[in-house]
Amino acid sequence: MSVDKPGRMITIWDIEFEGREAVKTAIEEGLAAFDQHKEALLAILREVRKRDLKSEPFDADKSWRDLTRLAQLYFERARTKQETIPAGDRVKRLDKLAKALDRAHAMADKAMRDDVGNDLFSAWWDETYKPGDPVFLNDDGSSVLTRIADEIKKAVAGLATLETAARTAVHDVRLRRGAPEGIGVLPPEYVIALAEVYRKSTGLEPDPGDGRFAQFVREFLVAIGQHGNRSDSYVVEMIKYMRKQLRKNPKRGTPFPFDK
């Protein structure tokens, strides 16, 4: 993270925050308010564990740490100015990026199979070699040669990973844009993360139909100040909508937690 001038803060993505102290204060205030809901959130998890897994102890500290980290991530992301570009334009740019990465990965993969790869290896050596690097094999079989080869392979593989992320982002932006009003207050990745906390804390798979997981999600919405007047039944429908939309994207990589 770098700072360009007093009172301004830039992330690794060069996304500008409103101001260092303002951001810090807002996040601290958000977490302080979130902390007031500790007992309510843990009580839901504790009750489910008590009902369905009496032999296993409930780790309240671990559950609260996970929830607090998730809330902090939410508050930090909420302070970035990421919604200045219309969703439709973002989808177009992400789609172009995915296609460009696909072409780049294909070209790089082909290069690794012929003399172009050797040229890349030599150039990488020139850029990264430091005097004292072990040119010859170490006891574990590694050397500067194996390090460079591994770095190039990782960079090529990274193109494919970034392409997958871009295609997933296209789907996610479309999902939020087409969602019924109000659903966008909690992106799908947070519901997935809450499902993981629920599963680890209770030992049960979250089921949006029985209302207990929906109650947990709704209490989290209350804790981060995004509950409005939404009922448990509304949250159930929100979760079902997200599950339906995410199932339409076979390349997402992370399955929705309620899939059977």
Protein backbone atom coordinates (compact mmCIF):
# COMPACT_ATOMS: atom_id res chain seq x y z
CA MET A 1 0.00 0.00 0.00
CA SER A 2 1.37 3.38 -0.95
CA VAL A 3 0.52 6.93 0.07
CA ASP A 4 0.70 9.76 -2.44
CA LYS A 5 -0.01 12.69 -0.13
CA PRO A 6 -1.25 13.36 3.40
CA GLY A 7 -4.89 12.47 3.91
CA ARG A 8 -5.11 10.27 0.81
CA MET A 9 -4.56 6.52 0.67
CA ILE A 10 -4.19 4.23 -2.32
CA THR A 11 -4.66 0.48 -2.28
CA ILE A 12 -2.64 -1.98 -4.35
CA TRP A 13 -5.34 -1.56 -7.01
CA ASP A 14 -4.93 2.24 -6.97
CA ILE A 15 -8.51 2.57 -5.71
CA GLU A 16 -8.71 5.86 -3.86
CA PHE A 17 -10.16 6.01 -0.38
CA GLU A 18 -11.91 9.06 1.03
CA GLY A 19 -9.02 9.74 3.40
CA ARG A 20 -6.92 7.70 5.75
CA GLU A 21 -8.38 8.89 9.03
CA ALA A 22 -11.95 8.96 7.69
CA VAL A 23 -11.65 5.38 6.45
CA LYS A 24 -10.06 4.16 9.69
CA THR A 25 -12.72 5.87 11.77
CA ALA A 26 -15.58 4.54 9.63
CA ILE A 27 -14.28 0.97 9.81
CA GLU A 28 -13.73 1.19 13.57
CA GLU A 29 -17.23 2.58 14.07
CA GLY A 30 -18.69 -0.16 11.89
CA LEU A 31 -16.88 -2.88 13.82
CA ALA A 32 -17.91 -1.32 17.15
CA ALA A 33 -21.53 -1.43 16.06
CA PHE A 34 -21.05 -4.97 14.76
CA ASP A 35 -19.63 -6.02 18.13
CA GLN A 36 -22.94 -5.11 19.75
CA HIS A 37 -24.52 -8.04 17.90
CA LYS A 38 -22.01 -10.61 19.09
CA GLU A 39 -24.31 -12.39 21.49
CA ALA A 40 -27.23 -12.42 19.05
CA LEU A 41 -25.14 -13.97 16.26
CA LEU A 42 -23.44 -16.51 18.51
CA ALA A 43 -26.74 -17.41 20.17
CA ILE A 44 -28.13 -18.56 16.81
CA LEU A 45 -25.10 -20.76 16.14
CA ARG A 46 -25.01 -22.04 19.71
CA GLU A 47 -28.68 -23.00 19.63
CA VAL A 48 -28.32 -24.90 16.36
CA ARG A 49 -25.26 -26.73 17.69
CA LYS A 50 -27.08 -27.54 20.93
CA ARG A 51 -30.09 -28.92 19.09
CA ASP A 52 -28.32 -31.01 16.49
CA LEU A 53 -24.82 -31.82 17.68
CA LYS A 54 -24.93 -32.09 21.47
CA SER A 55 -21.72 -34.09 21.73
CA GLU A 56 -19.54 -31.44 20.10
CA PRO A 57 -18.43 -28.30 21.98
CA PHE A 58 -19.25 -24.92 20.47
CA ASP A 59 -16.14 -22.80 19.76
CA ALA A 60 -17.59 -19.33 20.25
CA ASP A 61 -14.20 -17.58 19.99
CA LYS A 62 -13.41 -19.15 16.62
CA SER A 63 -16.86 -18.38 15.25
CA TRP A 64 -16.65 -14.75 16.39
CA ARG A 65 -13.19 -14.29 14.89
CA ASP A 66 -14.45 -15.54 11.54
CA LEU A 67 -17.50 -13.29 11.65
CA THR A 68 -15.46 -10.25 12.67
CA ARG A 69 -13.00 -10.79 9.82
CA LEU A 70 -15.90 -11.04 7.38
CA ALA A 71 -17.47 -7.86 8.76
CA GLN A 72 -14.14 -6.02 8.55
CA LEU A 73 -13.77 -7.05 4.91
CA TYR A 74 -17.29 -5.79 4.24
CA PHE A 75 -16.62 -2.40 5.84
CA GLU A 76 -13.26 -2.01 4.10
CA ARG A 77 -14.72 -2.79 0.68
CA ALA A 78 -17.67 -0.50 1.35
CA ARG A 79 -15.28 2.46 1.69
CA THR A 80 -13.73 2.03 -1.75
CA LYS A 81 -15.14 3.92 -4.70
CA GLN A 82 -15.75 0.88 -6.87
CA GLU A 83 -19.25 1.64 -8.13
CA THR A 84 -18.42 4.68 -10.30
CA ILE A 85 -18.57 2.69 -13.57
CA PRO A 86 -22.02 1.47 -14.72
CA ALA A 87 -22.50 -2.29 -14.43
CA GLY A 88 -23.04 -2.68 -18.17
CA ASP A 89 -19.71 -1.03 -18.96
CA ARG A 90 -17.94 -3.15 -16.35
CA VAL A 91 -19.36 -6.32 -17.91
CA LYS A 92 -18.11 -5.28 -21.36
CA ARG A 93 -14.61 -4.50 -20.08
CA LEU A 94 -14.42 -7.70 -18.03
CA ASP A 95 -15.53 -9.72 -21.05
CA LYS A 96 -12.85 -8.12 -23.24
CA LEU A 97 -10.27 -8.73 -20.51
CA ALA A 98 -11.25 -12.41 -20.25
CA LYS A 99 -10.93 -12.88 -24.02
CA ALA A 100 -7.55 -11.10 -24.10
CA LEU A 101 -6.27 -13.24 -21.23
CA ASP A 102 -7.46 -16.37 -23.00
CA ARG A 103 -5.47 -15.40 -26.10
CA ALA A 104 -2.44 -14.44 -24.02
CA HIS A 105 -2.51 -17.74 -22.14
CA ALA A 106 -2.74 -19.72 -25.38
CA MET A 107 0.21 -17.80 -26.84
CA ALA A 108 2.31 -18.20 -23.68
CA ASP A 109 1.51 -21.91 -23.41
CA LYS A 110 2.57 -22.42 -27.03
CA ALA A 111 5.79 -20.47 -26.41
CA MET A 112 6.70 -22.82 -23.57
CA ARG A 113 6.77 -25.70 -26.05
CA ASP A 114 9.29 -24.30 -28.55
CA ASP A 115 12.30 -22.02 -28.92
CA VAL A 116 10.31 -18.93 -27.96
CA GLY A 117 10.17 -20.37 -24.45
CA ASN A 118 13.96 -20.61 -24.40
CA ASP A 119 14.16 -16.93 -25.38
CA LEU A 120 11.80 -16.04 -22.55
CA PHE A 121 13.87 -18.09 -20.13
CA SER A 122 17.06 -16.23 -21.11
CA ALA A 123 15.37 -12.84 -20.84
CA TRP A 124 13.87 -13.76 -17.45
CA TRP A 125 17.36 -14.73 -16.30
CA ASP A 126 18.73 -11.34 -17.35
CA GLU A 127 15.97 -9.52 -15.46
CA THR A 128 15.92 -11.53 -12.24
CA TYR A 129 19.32 -13.13 -11.67
CA LYS A 130 21.20 -11.80 -8.67
CA PRO A 131 24.89 -12.44 -7.99
CA GLY A 132 25.15 -15.25 -5.50
CA ASP A 133 22.05 -17.12 -6.70
CA PRO A 134 22.87 -20.86 -6.80
CA VAL A 135 23.38 -21.65 -10.48
CA PHE A 136 24.18 -25.28 -9.71
CA LEU A 137 21.85 -27.70 -7.98
CA ASN A 138 21.37 -27.47 -4.23
CA ASP A 139 20.96 -30.52 -2.04
CA ASP A 140 17.20 -30.36 -2.59
CA GLY A 141 17.66 -30.22 -6.37
CA SER A 142 16.82 -26.56 -6.72
CA SER A 143 18.88 -23.83 -8.36
CA VAL A 144 18.39 -20.50 -10.08
CA LEU A 145 17.53 -22.50 -13.20
CA THR A 146 14.68 -24.37 -11.56
CA ARG A 147 13.51 -21.20 -9.82
CA ILE A 148 13.23 -19.31 -13.11
CA ALA A 149 11.43 -22.21 -14.78
CA ASP A 150 8.96 -22.40 -11.88
CA GLU A 151 8.37 -18.63 -11.96
CA ILE A 152 7.62 -18.67 -15.70
CA LYS A 153 5.25 -21.63 -15.32
CA LYS A 154 3.49 -19.84 -12.46
CA ALA A 155 3.14 -16.65 -14.53
CA VAL A 156 1.64 -18.58 -17.46
CA ALA A 157 -0.76 -20.42 -15.15
CA GLY A 158 -1.67 -17.08 -13.59
CA LEU A 159 -3.04 -15.88 -16.93
CA ALA A 160 -5.54 -18.75 -16.91
CA THR A 161 -6.48 -18.04 -13.29
CA LEU A 162 -7.02 -14.36 -14.04
CA GLU A 163 -9.12 -15.25 -17.09
CA THR A 164 -11.34 -17.46 -14.92
CA ALA A 165 -11.66 -14.65 -12.37
CA ALA A 166 -12.66 -12.19 -15.11
CA ARG A 167 -15.35 -14.54 -16.43
CA THR A 168 -16.63 -15.14 -12.90
CA ALA A 169 -16.71 -11.37 -12.33
CA VAL A 170 -18.81 -10.94 -15.49
CA HIS A 171 -21.33 -13.40 -14.07
CA ASP A 172 -21.33 -11.81 -10.62
CA VAL A 173 -21.85 -8.26 -11.93
CA ARG A 174 -24.74 -9.48 -14.08
CA LEU A 175 -26.16 -11.38 -11.10
CA ARG A 176 -26.18 -8.25 -8.92
CA ARG A 177 -27.48 -6.06 -11.72
CA GLY A 178 -30.39 -8.39 -12.44
CA ALA A 179 -31.22 -9.24 -8.84
CA PRO A 180 -34.52 -8.18 -7.28
CA GLU A 181 -34.31 -4.86 -5.46
CA GLY A 182 -32.45 -5.10 -2.18
CA ILE A 183 -30.60 -8.35 -2.83
CA GLY A 184 -27.43 -6.52 -3.82
CA VAL A 185 -26.84 -5.34 -0.23
CA LEU A 186 -24.93 -8.57 0.42
CA PRO A 187 -22.88 -9.98 -2.49
CA PRO A 188 -22.95 -13.77 -3.02
CA GLU A 189 -19.41 -14.30 -1.70
CA TYR A 190 -20.53 -13.07 1.74
CA VAL A 191 -23.46 -15.49 1.83
CA ILE A 192 -21.06 -18.28 0.87
CA ALA A 193 -18.65 -17.20 3.63
CA LEU A 194 -21.49 -17.07 6.17
CA ALA A 195 -22.50 -20.57 5.10
CA GLU A 196 -18.95 -21.73 5.85
CA VAL A 197 -19.05 -20.14 9.31
CA TYR A 198 -22.44 -21.75 9.92
CA ARG A 199 -21.20 -25.17 8.80
CA LYS A 200 -18.01 -25.05 10.86
CA SER A 201 -19.78 -23.70 13.93
CA THR A 202 -22.77 -26.03 13.96
CA GLY A 203 -21.56 -29.10 12.08
CA LEU A 204 -24.61 -28.88 9.81
CA GLU A 205 -25.08 -28.00 6.17
CA PRO A 206 -26.94 -24.66 5.92
CA ASP A 207 -30.45 -25.13 4.61
CA PRO A 208 -32.24 -21.94 3.53
CA GLY A 209 -35.57 -23.72 3.76
CA ASP A 210 -35.69 -24.28 7.53
CA GLY A 211 -35.16 -20.64 8.46
CA ARG A 212 -32.26 -21.07 10.87
CA PHE A 213 -29.55 -20.15 8.39
CA ALA A 214 -31.75 -17.36 7.03
CA GLN A 215 -32.10 -16.01 10.57
CA PHE A 216 -28.29 -16.08 10.88
CA VAL A 217 -27.82 -14.18 7.60
CA ARG A 218 -30.46 -11.65 8.58
CA GLU A 219 -28.76 -11.03 11.93
CA PHE A 220 -25.49 -10.45 10.07
CA LEU A 221 -27.29 -7.90 7.87
CA VAL A 222 -28.57 -6.21 11.01
CA ALA A 223 -25.05 -6.17 12.47
CA ILE A 224 -23.52 -4.48 9.41
CA GLY A 225 -26.37 -1.97 9.18
CA GLN A 226 -27.98 -3.38 6.02
CA HIS A 227 -31.07 -5.08 7.37
CA GLY A 228 -33.73 -2.46 6.57
CA ASN A 229 -37.11 -4.05 7.21
CA ARG A 230 -36.19 -7.38 5.66
CA SER A 231 -37.80 -10.42 7.24
CA ASP A 232 -36.42 -13.94 7.54
CA SER A 233 -38.66 -14.99 4.63
CA TYR A 234 -37.14 -12.24 2.49
CA VAL A 235 -33.65 -13.50 3.30
CA VAL A 236 -34.70 -17.04 2.39
CA GLU A 237 -35.79 -15.81 -1.03
CA MET A 238 -32.53 -13.85 -1.39
CA ILE A 239 -30.48 -16.99 -0.67
CA LYS A 240 -32.56 -19.10 -3.08
CA TYR A 241 -32.14 -16.48 -5.80
CA MET A 242 -28.37 -16.44 -5.35
CA ARG A 243 -28.22 -20.23 -5.45
CA LYS A 244 -30.26 -20.32 -8.65
CA GLN A 245 -28.09 -17.72 -10.35
CA LEU A 246 -24.78 -19.23 -9.27
CA ARG A 247 -25.82 -22.65 -10.55
CA LYS A 248 -26.06 -21.11 -14.02
CA ASN A 249 -22.31 -20.45 -14.01
CA PRO A 250 -20.49 -23.81 -14.31
CA LYS A 251 -17.07 -22.09 -14.39
CA ARG A 252 -17.49 -20.25 -11.11
CA GLY A 253 -15.19 -22.64 -9.31
CA THR A 254 -16.73 -22.27 -5.84
CA PRO A 255 -19.98 -24.30 -5.56
CA PHE A 256 -22.83 -22.75 -3.67
CA PRO A 257 -22.85 -24.36 -0.22
CA PHE A 258 -26.44 -25.63 -0.31
CA ASP A 259 -26.05 -27.72 -3.45
CA LYS A 260 -26.81 -31.37 -2.86
